[in-house]
Amino acid sequence: MHCRYIIQGVTEDGRKFRPSDWIDRISSMMASYGESHRLVYSELLHPELYEGQKCLIIDTSLEQENPTMYRYVMNFVKTNKLQMTQICEDTERKLGS
């Protein structure tokens, strides 16, 4: 089953995580510059609006594609006690129905 993690910029105890640009910093670690000379984020690790808030999206495929980056991000989330939700394809289909 294909899943994604949604990491919010809020700690488990409800405080806003600082610095405010942490999502962009982490996302840019796997980004590249496209033909338009603009930053193109990886589908495996990118910023996205979720329920009106900017979040970090991690595709679970990242664990196989780039285990080092996956461990880095997961350790960052754990160390900083950030709120994380897992969304899987079956759940997404039910939500969209």
PDB file of N, CA and C in Angstrom:
ATOM      1  N   MET A   1       0.836  -1.172   0.000  1.00  0.00           N
ATOM      2  CA  MET A   1       0.000   0.000   0.000  1.00  0.00           C
ATOM      3  C   MET A   1       0.891   1.250   0.000  1.00  0.00           C
ATOM      4  N   HIS A   2       0.570   2.180  -0.852  1.00  0.00           N
ATOM      5  CA  HIS A   2       1.341   3.408  -0.985  1.00  0.00           C
ATOM      6  C   HIS A   2       0.882   4.429   0.052  1.00  0.00           C
ATOM      7  N   CYS A   3       1.842   4.977   0.802  1.00  0.00           N
ATOM      8  CA  CYS A   3       1.516   5.935   1.863  1.00  0.00           C
ATOM      9  C   CYS A   3       2.422   7.158   1.789  1.00  0.00           C
ATOM     10  N   ARG A   4       1.970   8.204   2.453  1.00  0.00           N
ATOM     11  CA  ARG A   4       2.755   9.431   2.602  1.00  0.00           C
ATOM     12  C   ARG A   4       2.664   9.867   4.057  1.00  0.00           C
ATOM     13  N   TYR A   5       3.707  10.538   4.508  1.00  0.00           N
ATOM     14  CA  TYR A   5       3.691  11.169   5.825  1.00  0.00           C
ATOM     15  C   TYR A   5       3.483  12.657   5.631  1.00  0.00           C
ATOM     16  N   ILE A   6       2.643  13.229   6.449  1.00  0.00           N
ATOM     17  CA  ILE A   6       2.412  14.667   6.444  1.00  0.00           C
ATOM     18  C   ILE A   6       2.948  15.199   7.763  1.00  0.00           C
ATOM     19  N   ILE A   7       3.969  16.041   7.660  1.00  0.00           N
ATOM     20  CA  ILE A   7       4.603  16.581   8.863  1.00  0.00           C
ATOM     21  C   ILE A   7       4.259  18.054   8.962  1.00  0.00           C
ATOM     22  N   GLN A   8       3.641  18.397  10.060  1.00  0.00           N
ATOM     23  CA  GLN A   8       3.209  19.770  10.283  1.00  0.00           C
ATOM     24  C   GLN A   8       4.287  20.558  11.012  1.00  0.00           C
ATOM     25  N   GLY A   9       4.232  21.861  10.866  1.00  0.00           N
ATOM     26  CA  GLY A   9       5.182  22.741  11.533  1.00  0.00           C
ATOM     27  C   GLY A   9       4.761  23.065  12.945  1.00  0.00           C
ATOM     28  N   VAL A  10       4.205  22.060  13.619  1.00  0.00           N
ATOM     29  CA  VAL A  10       3.706  22.213  14.981  1.00  0.00           C
ATOM     30  C   VAL A  10       4.239  21.044  15.807  1.00  0.00           C
ATOM     31  N   THR A  11       4.672  21.328  17.015  1.00  0.00           N
ATOM     32  CA  THR A  11       5.177  20.268  17.881  1.00  0.00           C
ATOM     33  C   THR A  11       4.014  19.491  18.495  1.00  0.00           C
ATOM     34  N   GLU A  12       4.329  18.346  19.072  1.00  0.00           N
ATOM     35  CA  GLU A  12       3.304  17.505  19.689  1.00  0.00           C
ATOM     36  C   GLU A  12       2.519  18.238  20.776  1.00  0.00           C
ATOM     37  N   ASP A  13       3.150  19.210  21.423  1.00  0.00           N
ATOM     38  CA  ASP A  13       2.453  19.963  22.473  1.00  0.00           C
ATOM     39  C   ASP A  13       1.787  21.240  21.944  1.00  0.00           C
ATOM     40  N   GLY A  14       1.715  21.382  20.596  1.00  0.00           N
ATOM     41  CA  GLY A  14       0.956  22.464  19.989  1.00  0.00           C
ATOM     42  C   GLY A  14       1.698  23.756  19.701  1.00  0.00           C
ATOM     43  N   ARG A  15       3.002  23.800  19.962  1.00  0.00           N
ATOM     44  CA  ARG A  15       3.771  25.020  19.689  1.00  0.00           C
ATOM     45  C   ARG A  15       4.220  25.054  18.231  1.00  0.00           C
ATOM     46  N   LYS A  16       4.255  26.258  17.653  1.00  0.00           N
ATOM     47  CA  LYS A  16       4.746  26.426  16.286  1.00  0.00           C
ATOM     48  C   LYS A  16       6.255  26.201  16.280  1.00  0.00           C
ATOM     49  N   PHE A  17       6.727  25.380  15.326  1.00  0.00           N
ATOM     50  CA  PHE A  17       8.147  25.059  15.258  1.00  0.00           C
ATOM     51  C   PHE A  17       8.901  26.161  14.523  1.00  0.00           C
ATOM     52  N   ARG A  18      10.041  26.530  15.039  1.00  0.00           N
ATOM     53  CA  ARG A  18      10.912  27.544  14.451  1.00  0.00           C
ATOM     54  C   ARG A  18      12.248  26.911  14.087  1.00  0.00           C
ATOM     55  N   PRO A  19      12.951  27.334  13.056  1.00  0.00           N
ATOM     56  CA  PRO A  19      12.639  28.484  12.220  1.00  0.00           C
ATOM     57  C   PRO A  19      11.487  28.170  11.268  1.00  0.00           C
ATOM     58  N   SER A  20      10.787  29.198  10.840  1.00  0.00           N
ATOM     59  CA  SER A  20       9.578  29.010  10.039  1.00  0.00           C
ATOM     60  C   SER A  20       9.865  28.445   8.647  1.00  0.00           C
ATOM     61  N   ASP A  21      11.105  28.532   8.168  1.00  0.00           N
ATOM     62  CA  ASP A  21      11.421  28.031   6.823  1.00  0.00           C
ATOM     63  C   ASP A  21      11.999  26.612   6.818  1.00  0.00           C
ATOM     64  N   TRP A  22      11.842  25.878   7.907  1.00  0.00           N
ATOM     65  CA  TRP A  22      12.425  24.539   7.994  1.00  0.00           C
ATOM     66  C   TRP A  22      11.909  23.603   6.904  1.00  0.00           C
ATOM     67  N   ILE A  23      10.642  23.737   6.512  1.00  0.00           N
ATOM     68  CA  ILE A  23      10.077  22.867   5.476  1.00  0.00           C
ATOM     69  C   ILE A  23      10.806  23.089   4.149  1.00  0.00           C
ATOM     70  N   ASP A  24      11.026  24.351   3.795  1.00  0.00           N
ATOM     71  CA  ASP A  24      11.734  24.663   2.551  1.00  0.00           C
ATOM     72  C   ASP A  24      13.180  24.174   2.602  1.00  0.00           C
ATOM     73  N   ARG A  25      13.809  24.336   3.741  1.00  0.00           N
ATOM     74  CA  ARG A  25      15.203  23.896   3.874  1.00  0.00           C
ATOM     75  C   ARG A  25      15.331  22.390   3.659  1.00  0.00           C
ATOM     76  N   ILE A  26      14.464  21.620   4.297  1.00  0.00           N
ATOM     77  CA  ILE A  26      14.545  20.161   4.153  1.00  0.00           C
ATOM     78  C   ILE A  26      14.144  19.743   2.746  1.00  0.00           C
ATOM     79  N   SER A  27      13.080  20.330   2.213  1.00  0.00           N
ATOM     80  CA  SER A  27      12.628  19.975   0.858  1.00  0.00           C
ATOM     81  C   SER A  27      13.695  20.247  -0.184  1.00  0.00           C
ATOM     82  N   SER A  28      14.438  21.325  -0.001  1.00  0.00           N
ATOM     83  CA  SER A  28      15.459  21.690  -0.997  1.00  0.00           C
ATOM     84  C   SER A  28      16.634  20.716  -1.012  1.00  0.00           C
ATOM     85  N   MET A  29      16.753  19.890   0.005  1.00  0.00           N
ATOM     86  CA  MET A  29      17.855  18.928   0.043  1.00  0.00           C
ATOM     87  C   MET A  29      17.748  17.891  -1.074  1.00  0.00           C
ATOM     88  N   MET A  30      16.540  17.652  -1.577  1.00  0.00           N
ATOM     89  CA  MET A  30      16.356  16.702  -2.679  1.00  0.00           C
ATOM     90  C   MET A  30      15.845  17.390  -3.946  1.00  0.00           C
ATOM     91  N   ALA A  31      15.808  18.700  -3.948  1.00  0.00           N
ATOM     92  CA  ALA A  31      15.317  19.441  -5.108  1.00  0.00           C
ATOM     93  C   ALA A  31      16.441  19.655  -6.119  1.00  0.00           C
ATOM     94  N   SER A  32      16.039  20.014  -7.320  1.00  0.00           N
ATOM     95  CA  SER A  32      17.005  20.341  -8.370  1.00  0.00           C
ATOM     96  C   SER A  32      16.473  21.547  -9.142  1.00  0.00           C
ATOM     97  N   TYR A  33      17.318  22.116  -9.976  1.00  0.00           N
ATOM     98  CA  TYR A  33      16.882  23.242 -10.794  1.00  0.00           C
ATOM     99  C   TYR A  33      16.432  22.716 -12.146  1.00  0.00           C
ATOM    100  N   GLY A  34      15.217  23.106 -12.536  1.00  0.00           N
ATOM    101  CA  GLY A  34      14.654  22.663 -13.802  1.00  0.00           C
ATOM    102  C   GLY A  34      15.100  23.543 -14.945  1.00  0.00           C
ATOM    103  N   GLU A  35      14.549  23.275 -16.119  1.00  0.00           N
ATOM    104  CA  GLU A  35      14.895  24.031 -17.319  1.00  0.00           C
ATOM    105  C   GLU A  35      14.553  25.507 -17.174  1.00  0.00           C
ATOM    106  N   SER A  36      13.547  25.819 -16.373  1.00  0.00           N
ATOM    107  CA  SER A  36      13.129  27.208 -16.184  1.00  0.00           C
ATOM    108  C   SER A  36      14.006  27.929 -15.163  1.00  0.00           C
ATOM    109  N   HIS A  37      15.051  27.240 -14.691  1.00  0.00           N
ATOM    110  CA  HIS A  37      15.970  27.792 -13.690  1.00  0.00           C
ATOM    111  C   HIS A  37      15.262  28.074 -12.364  1.00  0.00           C
ATOM    112  N   ARG A  38      14.244  27.277 -12.088  1.00  0.00           N
ATOM    113  CA  ARG A  38      13.530  27.367 -10.822  1.00  0.00           C
ATOM    114  C   ARG A  38      13.685  26.041 -10.085  1.00  0.00           C
ATOM    115  N   LEU A  39      13.568  26.123  -8.782  1.00  0.00           N
ATOM    116  CA  LEU A  39      13.706  24.931  -7.959  1.00  0.00           C
ATOM    117  C   LEU A  39      12.530  23.983  -8.206  1.00  0.00           C
ATOM    118  N   VAL A  40      12.846  22.722  -8.453  1.00  0.00           N
ATOM    119  CA  VAL A  40      11.832  21.693  -8.670  1.00  0.00           C
ATOM    120  C   VAL A  40      11.982  20.682  -7.533  1.00  0.00           C
ATOM    121  N   TYR A  41      10.929  20.545  -6.732  1.00  0.00           N
ATOM    122  CA  TYR A  41      10.978  19.634  -5.589  1.00  0.00           C
ATOM    123  C   TYR A  41      10.746  18.196  -6.021  1.00  0.00           C
ATOM    124  N   SER A  42      11.333  17.283  -5.290  1.00  0.00           N
ATOM    125  CA  SER A  42      11.151  15.856  -5.516  1.00  0.00           C
ATOM    126  C   SER A  42       9.735  15.451  -5.104  1.00  0.00           C
ATOM    127  N   GLU A  43       9.161  14.514  -5.832  1.00  0.00           N
ATOM    128  CA  GLU A  43       7.850  13.979  -5.446  1.00  0.00           C
ATOM    129  C   GLU A  43       7.940  13.193  -4.139  1.00  0.00           C
ATOM    130  N   LEU A  44       9.146  12.776  -3.778  1.00  0.00           N
ATOM    131  CA  LEU A  44       9.330  11.988  -2.567  1.00  0.00           C
ATOM    132  C   LEU A  44       9.448  12.841  -1.306  1.00  0.00           C
ATOM    133  N   LEU A  45       9.803  14.118  -1.479  1.00  0.00           N
ATOM    134  CA  LEU A  45      10.022  15.011  -0.340  1.00  0.00           C
ATOM    135  C   LEU A  45       9.773  16.443  -0.800  1.00  0.00           C
ATOM    136  N   HIS A  46       8.642  17.002  -0.395  1.00  0.00           N
ATOM    137  CA  HIS A  46       8.292  18.330  -0.894  1.00  0.00           C
ATOM    138  C   HIS A  46       7.324  19.058   0.039  1.00  0.00           C
ATOM    139  N   PRO A  47       7.274  20.389  -0.087  1.00  0.00           N
ATOM    140  CA  PRO A  47       6.293  21.158   0.676  1.00  0.00           C
ATOM    141  C   PRO A  47       4.941  21.082  -0.029  1.00  0.00           C
ATOM    142  N   GLU A  48       3.890  21.171   0.764  1.00  0.00           N
ATOM    143  CA  GLU A  48       2.546  21.139   0.187  1.00  0.00           C
ATOM    144  C   GLU A  48       1.571  21.732   1.198  1.00  0.00           C
ATOM    145  N   LEU A  49       0.533  22.378   0.702  1.00  0.00           N
ATOM    146  CA  LEU A  49      -0.514  22.854   1.598  1.00  0.00           C
ATOM    147  C   LEU A  49      -1.423  21.680   1.936  1.00  0.00           C
ATOM    148  N   TYR A  50      -1.669  21.484   3.200  1.00  0.00           N
ATOM    149  CA  TYR A  50      -2.545  20.421   3.675  1.00  0.00           C
ATOM    150  C   TYR A  50      -3.427  21.022   4.755  1.00  0.00           C
ATOM    151  N   GLU A  51      -4.717  20.983   4.505  1.00  0.00           N
ATOM    152  CA  GLU A  51      -5.689  21.569   5.426  1.00  0.00           C
ATOM    153  C   GLU A  51      -5.328  23.021   5.757  1.00  0.00           C
ATOM    154  N   GLY A  52      -4.888  23.754   4.723  1.00  0.00           N
ATOM    155  CA  GLY A  52      -4.605  25.175   4.862  1.00  0.00           C
ATOM    156  C   GLY A  52      -3.267  25.534   5.475  1.00  0.00           C
ATOM    157  N   GLN A  53      -2.454  24.540   5.810  1.00  0.00           N
ATOM    158  CA  GLN A  53      -1.152  24.813   6.410  1.00  0.00           C
ATOM    159  C   GLN A  53      -0.046  24.199   5.555  1.00  0.00           C
ATOM    160  N   LYS A  54       1.073  24.909   5.478  1.00  0.00           N
ATOM    161  CA  LYS A  54       2.227  24.383   4.762  1.00  0.00           C
ATOM    162  C   LYS A  54       2.827  23.243   5.571  1.00  0.00           C
ATOM    163  N   CYS A  55       2.987  22.093   4.916  1.00  0.00           N
ATOM    164  CA  CYS A  55       3.511  20.899   5.577  1.00  0.00           C
ATOM    165  C   CYS A  55       4.613  20.287   4.721  1.00  0.00           C
ATOM    166  N   LEU A  56       5.353  19.387   5.311  1.00  0.00           N
ATOM    167  CA  LEU A  56       6.355  18.612   4.594  1.00  0.00           C
ATOM    168  C   LEU A  56       5.729  17.267   4.264  1.00  0.00           C
ATOM    169  N   ILE A  57       5.772  16.890   3.010  1.00  0.00           N
ATOM    170  CA  ILE A  57       5.218  15.613   2.562  1.00  0.00           C
ATOM    171  C   ILE A  57       6.371  14.671   2.241  1.00  0.00           C
ATOM    172  N   ILE A  58       6.310  13.494   2.829  1.00  0.00           N
ATOM    173  CA  ILE A  58       7.326  12.464   2.573  1.00  0.00           C
ATOM    174  C   ILE A  58       6.622  11.244   2.016  1.00  0.00           C
ATOM    175  N   ASP A  59       6.989  10.851   0.832  1.00  0.00           N
ATOM    176  CA  ASP A  59       6.467   9.618   0.255  1.00  0.00           C
ATOM    177  C   ASP A  59       7.221   8.469   0.917  1.00  0.00           C
ATOM    178  N   THR A  60       6.510   7.417   1.291  1.00  0.00           N
ATOM    179  CA  THR A  60       7.176   6.299   1.968  1.00  0.00           C
ATOM    180  C   THR A  60       8.186   5.599   1.052  1.00  0.00           C
ATOM    181  N   SER A  61       8.103   5.817  -0.247  1.00  0.00           N
ATOM    182  CA  SER A  61       9.090   5.260  -1.190  1.00  0.00           C
ATOM    183  C   SER A  61      10.480   5.813  -0.933  1.00  0.00           C
ATOM    184  N   LEU A  62      10.551   6.962  -0.259  1.00  0.00           N
ATOM    185  CA  LEU A  62      11.856   7.559   0.043  1.00  0.00           C
ATOM    186  C   LEU A  62      12.726   6.601   0.853  1.00  0.00           C
ATOM    187  N   GLU A  63      12.102   5.781   1.680  1.00  0.00           N
ATOM    188  CA  GLU A  63      12.873   4.843   2.507  1.00  0.00           C
ATOM    189  C   GLU A  63      13.695   3.885   1.648  1.00  0.00           C
ATOM    190  N   GLN A  64      13.158   3.462   0.505  1.00  0.00           N
ATOM    191  CA  GLN A  64      13.899   2.566  -0.382  1.00  0.00           C
ATOM    192  C   GLN A  64      14.794   3.352  -1.349  1.00  0.00           C
ATOM    193  N   GLU A  65      14.298   4.487  -1.830  1.00  0.00           N
ATOM    194  CA  GLU A  65      15.027   5.273  -2.831  1.00  0.00           C
ATOM    195  C   GLU A  65      16.257   5.972  -2.252  1.00  0.00           C
ATOM    196  N   ASN A  66      16.117   6.492  -1.037  1.00  0.00           N
ATOM    197  CA  ASN A  66      17.207   7.243  -0.415  1.00  0.00           C
ATOM    198  C   ASN A  66      17.133   7.042   1.106  1.00  0.00           C
ATOM    199  N   PRO A  67      17.578   5.865   1.588  1.00  0.00           N
ATOM    200  CA  PRO A  67      17.453   5.547   3.004  1.00  0.00           C
ATOM    201  C   PRO A  67      18.127   6.555   3.936  1.00  0.00           C
ATOM    202  N   THR A  68      19.226   7.134   3.505  1.00  0.00           N
ATOM    203  CA  THR A  68      19.934   8.108   4.335  1.00  0.00           C
ATOM    204  C   THR A  68      19.082   9.356   4.551  1.00  0.00           C
ATOM    205  N   MET A  69      18.470   9.858   3.486  1.00  0.00           N
ATOM    206  CA  MET A  69      17.615  11.037   3.598  1.00  0.00           C
ATOM    207  C   MET A  69      16.376  10.713   4.428  1.00  0.00           C
ATOM    208  N   TYR A  70      15.807   9.544   4.220  1.00  0.00           N
ATOM    209  CA  TYR A  70      14.636   9.124   4.986  1.00  0.00           C
ATOM    210  C   TYR A  70      14.952   9.118   6.485  1.00  0.00           C
ATOM    211  N   ARG A  71      16.073   8.513   6.856  1.00  0.00           N
ATOM    212  CA  ARG A  71      16.457   8.470   8.278  1.00  0.00           C
ATOM    213  C   ARG A  71      16.705   9.872   8.823  1.00  0.00           C
ATOM    214  N   TYR A  72      17.349  10.715   8.019  1.00  0.00           N
ATOM    215  CA  TYR A  72      17.622  12.093   8.445  1.00  0.00           C
ATOM    216  C   TYR A  72      16.314  12.815   8.767  1.00  0.00           C
ATOM    217  N   VAL A  73      15.361  12.755   7.849  1.00  0.00           N
ATOM    218  CA  VAL A  73      14.091  13.463   8.050  1.00  0.00           C
ATOM    219  C   VAL A  73      13.326  12.879   9.237  1.00  0.00           C
ATOM    220  N   MET A  74      13.271  11.568   9.329  1.00  0.00           N
ATOM    221  CA  MET A  74      12.539  10.946  10.439  1.00  0.00           C
ATOM    222  C   MET A  74      13.191  11.266  11.787  1.00  0.00           C
ATOM    223  N   ASN A  75      14.510  11.300  11.840  1.00  0.00           N
ATOM    224  CA  ASN A  75      15.194  11.691  13.078  1.00  0.00           C
ATOM    225  C   ASN A  75      14.907  13.152  13.415  1.00  0.00           C
ATOM    226  N   PHE A  76      14.862  14.015  12.401  1.00  0.00           N
ATOM    227  CA  PHE A  76      14.539  15.428  12.599  1.00  0.00           C
ATOM    228  C   PHE A  76      13.141  15.564  13.207  1.00  0.00           C
ATOM    229  N   VAL A  77      12.201  14.825  12.655  1.00  0.00           N
ATOM    230  CA  VAL A  77      10.811  14.856  13.144  1.00  0.00           C
ATOM    231  C   VAL A  77      10.746  14.370  14.591  1.00  0.00           C
ATOM    232  N   LYS A  78      11.405  13.269  14.864  1.00  0.00           N
ATOM    233  CA  LYS A  78      11.389  12.693  16.214  1.00  0.00           C
ATOM    234  C   LYS A  78      12.078  13.606  17.222  1.00  0.00           C
ATOM    235  N   THR A  79      13.259  14.097  16.881  1.00  0.00           N
ATOM    236  CA  THR A  79      14.027  14.960  17.780  1.00  0.00           C
ATOM    237  C   THR A  79      13.266  16.228  18.140  1.00  0.00           C
ATOM    238  N   ASN A  80      12.572  16.801  17.138  1.00  0.00           N
ATOM    239  CA  ASN A  80      11.860  18.057  17.350  1.00  0.00           C
ATOM    240  C   ASN A  80      10.398  17.855  17.733  1.00  0.00           C
ATOM    241  N   LYS A  81      10.005  16.586  17.894  1.00  0.00           N
ATOM    242  CA  LYS A  81       8.653  16.223  18.331  1.00  0.00           C
ATOM    243  C   LYS A  81       7.571  16.903  17.498  1.00  0.00           C
ATOM    244  N   LEU A  82       7.715  16.792  16.169  1.00  0.00           N
ATOM    245  CA  LEU A  82       6.753  17.390  15.253  1.00  0.00           C
ATOM    246  C   LEU A  82       5.561  16.466  15.040  1.00  0.00           C
ATOM    247  N   GLN A  83       4.406  17.064  14.795  1.00  0.00           N
ATOM    248  CA  GLN A  83       3.204  16.279  14.534  1.00  0.00           C
ATOM    249  C   GLN A  83       3.307  15.648  13.153  1.00  0.00           C
ATOM    250  N   MET A  84       3.013  14.344  13.077  1.00  0.00           N
ATOM    251  CA  MET A  84       3.116  13.612  11.824  1.00  0.00           C
ATOM    252  C   MET A  84       1.909  12.702  11.675  1.00  0.00           C
ATOM    253  N   THR A  85       1.360  12.687  10.464  1.00  0.00           N
ATOM    254  CA  THR A  85       0.208  11.847  10.141  1.00  0.00           C
ATOM    255  C   THR A  85       0.558  11.012   8.932  1.00  0.00           C
ATOM    256  N   GLN A  86       0.135   9.753   8.940  1.00  0.00           N
ATOM    257  CA  GLN A  86       0.343   8.896   7.779  1.00  0.00           C
ATOM    258  C   GLN A  86      -0.971   8.786   7.018  1.00  0.00           C
ATOM    259  N   ILE A  87      -0.917   9.026   5.703  1.00  0.00           N
ATOM    260  CA  ILE A  87      -2.079   8.913   4.832  1.00  0.00           C
ATOM    261  C   ILE A  87      -1.750   7.862   3.778  1.00  0.00           C
ATOM    262  N   CYS A  88      -2.624   6.875   3.632  1.00  0.00           N
ATOM    263  CA  CYS A  88      -2.398   5.818   2.655  1.00  0.00           C
ATOM    264  C   CYS A  88      -3.446   5.901   1.551  1.00  0.00           C
ATOM    265  N   GLU A  89      -3.166   5.276   0.413  1.00  0.00           N
ATOM    266  CA  GLU A  89      -4.043   5.360  -0.756  1.00  0.00           C
ATOM    267  C   GLU A  89      -5.486   5.017  -0.431  1.00  0.00           C
ATOM    268  N   ASP A  90      -5.719   3.941   0.320  1.00  0.00           N
ATOM    269  CA  ASP A  90      -7.095   3.560   0.640  1.00  0.00           C
ATOM    270  C   ASP A  90      -7.791   4.660   1.432  1.00  0.00           C
ATOM    271  N   THR A  91      -7.076   5.286   2.375  1.00  0.00           N
ATOM    272  CA  THR A  91      -7.625   6.365   3.182  1.00  0.00           C
ATOM    273  C   THR A  91      -7.954   7.560   2.299  1.00  0.00           C
ATOM    274  N   GLU A  92      -7.056   7.882   1.354  1.00  0.00           N
ATOM    275  CA  GLU A  92      -7.272   9.022   0.463  1.00  0.00           C
ATOM    276  C   GLU A  92      -8.506   8.809  -0.393  1.00  0.00           C
ATOM    277  N   ARG A  93      -8.715   7.591  -0.891  1.00  0.00           N
ATOM    278  CA  ARG A  93      -9.888   7.321  -1.705  1.00  0.00           C
ATOM    279  C   ARG A  93     -11.163   7.483  -0.887  1.00  0.00           C
ATOM    280  N   LYS A  94     -11.159   7.019   0.359  1.00  0.00           N
ATOM    281  CA  LYS A  94     -12.331   7.142   1.219  1.00  0.00           C
ATOM    282  C   LYS A  94     -12.623   8.613   1.525  1.00  0.00           C
ATOM    283  N   LEU A  95     -11.573   9.410   1.756  1.00  0.00           N
ATOM    284  CA  LEU A  95     -11.775  10.818   2.048  1.00  0.00           C
ATOM    285  C   LEU A  95     -12.337  11.551   0.839  1.00  0.00           C
ATOM    286  N   GLY A  96     -11.949  11.164  -0.354  1.00  0.00           N
ATOM    287  CA  GLY A  96     -12.406  11.830  -1.563  1.00  0.00           C
ATOM    288  C   GLY A  96     -13.802  11.400  -1.991  1.00  0.00           C
ATOM    289  N   SER A  97     -14.338  10.352  -1.425  1.00  0.00           N
ATOM    290  CA  SER A  97     -15.664   9.846  -1.833  1.00  0.00           C
ATOM    291  C   SER A  97     -16.774  10.747  -1.359  1.00  0.00           C
TER     292      SER A  97
END
